[in-house]
């Protein structure tokens, strides 16, 4: 399983635009083959920071997502509302039974 954390630092004046533009990305990404979870989380300490927490079946699913139309379209627009470069971390993991 591949886990990705993509952190967005949003210009407060563009927050509504960001939230509107990211909704189609979330919906389409959740429908992709190989997607396990795709959730946007708001930082409770900084109202202008959001993290997309993504879980994918494998690297092939990540590669397919990264080349999808909905992803490339969003990335092209992201510069309009970011105040810092997008921070992306990727992890390999497995489900644990607790």
Protein backbone atom coordinates (compact mmCIF):
# COMPACT_ATOMS: atom_id res chain seq x y z
CA UNK A 1 0.00 0.00 0.00
CA UNK A 2 1.23 3.51 -0.82
CA UNK A 3 0.30 6.40 1.48
CA UNK A 4 0.74 9.98 0.30
CA UNK A 5 0.47 13.19 2.31
CA UNK A 6 0.22 16.29 0.11
CA UNK A 7 0.19 19.52 2.15
CA UNK A 8 -1.29 22.71 0.73
CA UNK A 9 -0.58 26.17 2.16
CA UNK A 10 -3.47 28.26 0.85
CA UNK A 11 -3.68 32.00 0.33
CA UNK A 12 -6.57 33.02 2.63
CA UNK A 13 -7.98 35.22 -0.13
CA UNK A 14 -8.16 32.16 -2.43
CA UNK A 15 -9.51 29.66 0.11
CA UNK A 16 -12.98 29.45 -1.44
CA UNK A 17 -11.46 28.94 -4.89
CA UNK A 18 -9.23 26.14 -3.56
CA UNK A 19 -12.14 24.37 -1.88
CA UNK A 20 -14.22 24.62 -5.06
CA UNK A 21 -11.43 23.42 -7.37
CA UNK A 22 -10.42 20.47 -5.19
CA UNK A 23 -13.89 18.89 -4.98
CA UNK A 24 -13.86 17.40 -8.53
CA UNK A 25 -10.34 16.07 -7.89
CA UNK A 26 -11.48 14.33 -4.72
CA UNK A 27 -14.58 12.83 -6.34
CA UNK A 28 -12.77 11.57 -9.44
CA UNK A 29 -9.77 10.24 -7.49
CA UNK A 30 -12.01 8.19 -5.22
CA UNK A 31 -13.42 6.46 -8.32
CA UNK A 32 -10.01 5.42 -9.67
CA UNK A 33 -8.93 1.79 -9.77
CA UNK A 34 -6.42 1.22 -7.01
CA UNK A 35 -7.68 4.02 -4.75
CA UNK A 36 -8.25 2.92 -1.17
CA UNK A 37 -8.87 6.34 0.38
CA UNK A 38 -8.60 10.00 -0.64
CA UNK A 39 -9.37 12.54 2.11
CA UNK A 40 -8.74 16.24 2.53
CA UNK A 41 -7.89 17.16 6.12
CA UNK A 42 -7.82 20.70 7.55
CA UNK A 43 -5.01 21.60 9.96
CA UNK A 44 -6.54 22.51 13.33
CA UNK A 45 -3.62 24.82 14.15
CA UNK A 46 -3.52 26.73 10.86
CA UNK A 47 -6.80 27.38 9.05
CA UNK A 48 -5.02 27.87 5.72
CA UNK A 49 -3.22 24.53 5.67
CA UNK A 50 -4.78 21.34 4.31
CA UNK A 51 -3.37 17.85 3.81
CA UNK A 52 -4.63 15.37 1.27
CA UNK A 53 -4.17 11.91 2.77
CA UNK A 54 -4.17 9.37 -0.04
CA UNK A 55 -3.98 5.59 0.15
CA UNK A 56 -3.32 3.61 -3.03
CA UNK A 57 -3.13 -0.10 -3.74
CA UNK A 58 0.32 0.16 -5.39
CA UNK A 59 2.70 2.41 -7.31
CA UNK A 60 0.93 1.60 -10.60
CA UNK A 61 -2.26 3.14 -9.16
CA UNK A 62 -0.28 6.23 -8.06
CA UNK A 63 1.27 6.58 -11.53
CA UNK A 64 -2.14 6.26 -13.18
CA UNK A 65 -3.57 8.89 -10.82
CA UNK A 66 -0.67 11.28 -11.43
CA UNK A 67 -1.28 11.14 -15.17
CA UNK A 68 -5.08 11.40 -14.96
CA UNK A 69 -6.86 14.37 -16.49
CA UNK A 70 -8.48 15.45 -13.21
CA UNK A 71 -5.12 15.41 -11.40
CA UNK A 72 -3.12 17.24 -14.08
CA UNK A 73 -5.90 19.83 -14.45
CA UNK A 74 -5.89 20.51 -10.70
CA UNK A 75 -2.08 20.71 -10.49
CA UNK A 76 -2.03 23.26 -13.32
CA UNK A 77 -4.41 25.50 -11.35
CA UNK A 78 -2.89 24.92 -7.89
CA UNK A 79 -0.29 27.67 -8.28
CA UNK A 80 -3.11 30.21 -8.26
CA UNK A 81 -3.98 29.56 -4.62
CA UNK A 82 -0.79 28.22 -3.00
CA UNK A 83 1.45 30.44 -0.85
CA UNK A 84 4.25 27.84 -0.69
CA UNK A 85 5.31 24.89 -2.81
CA UNK A 86 3.20 21.78 -2.41
CA UNK A 87 4.78 19.44 0.16
CA UNK A 88 4.50 15.76 -0.78
CA UNK A 89 5.57 12.79 1.31
CA UNK A 90 5.09 9.17 0.24
CA UNK A 91 5.20 6.08 2.44
CA UNK A 92 4.92 2.36 1.86
CA UNK A 93 2.82 0.54 4.42
CA UNK A 94 0.51 -2.29 5.22
CA UNK A 95 -2.67 -2.70 7.20
CA UNK A 96 -2.05 -3.91 10.74
CA UNK A 97 -4.52 -5.87 12.81
CA UNK A 98 -4.69 -4.39 16.28
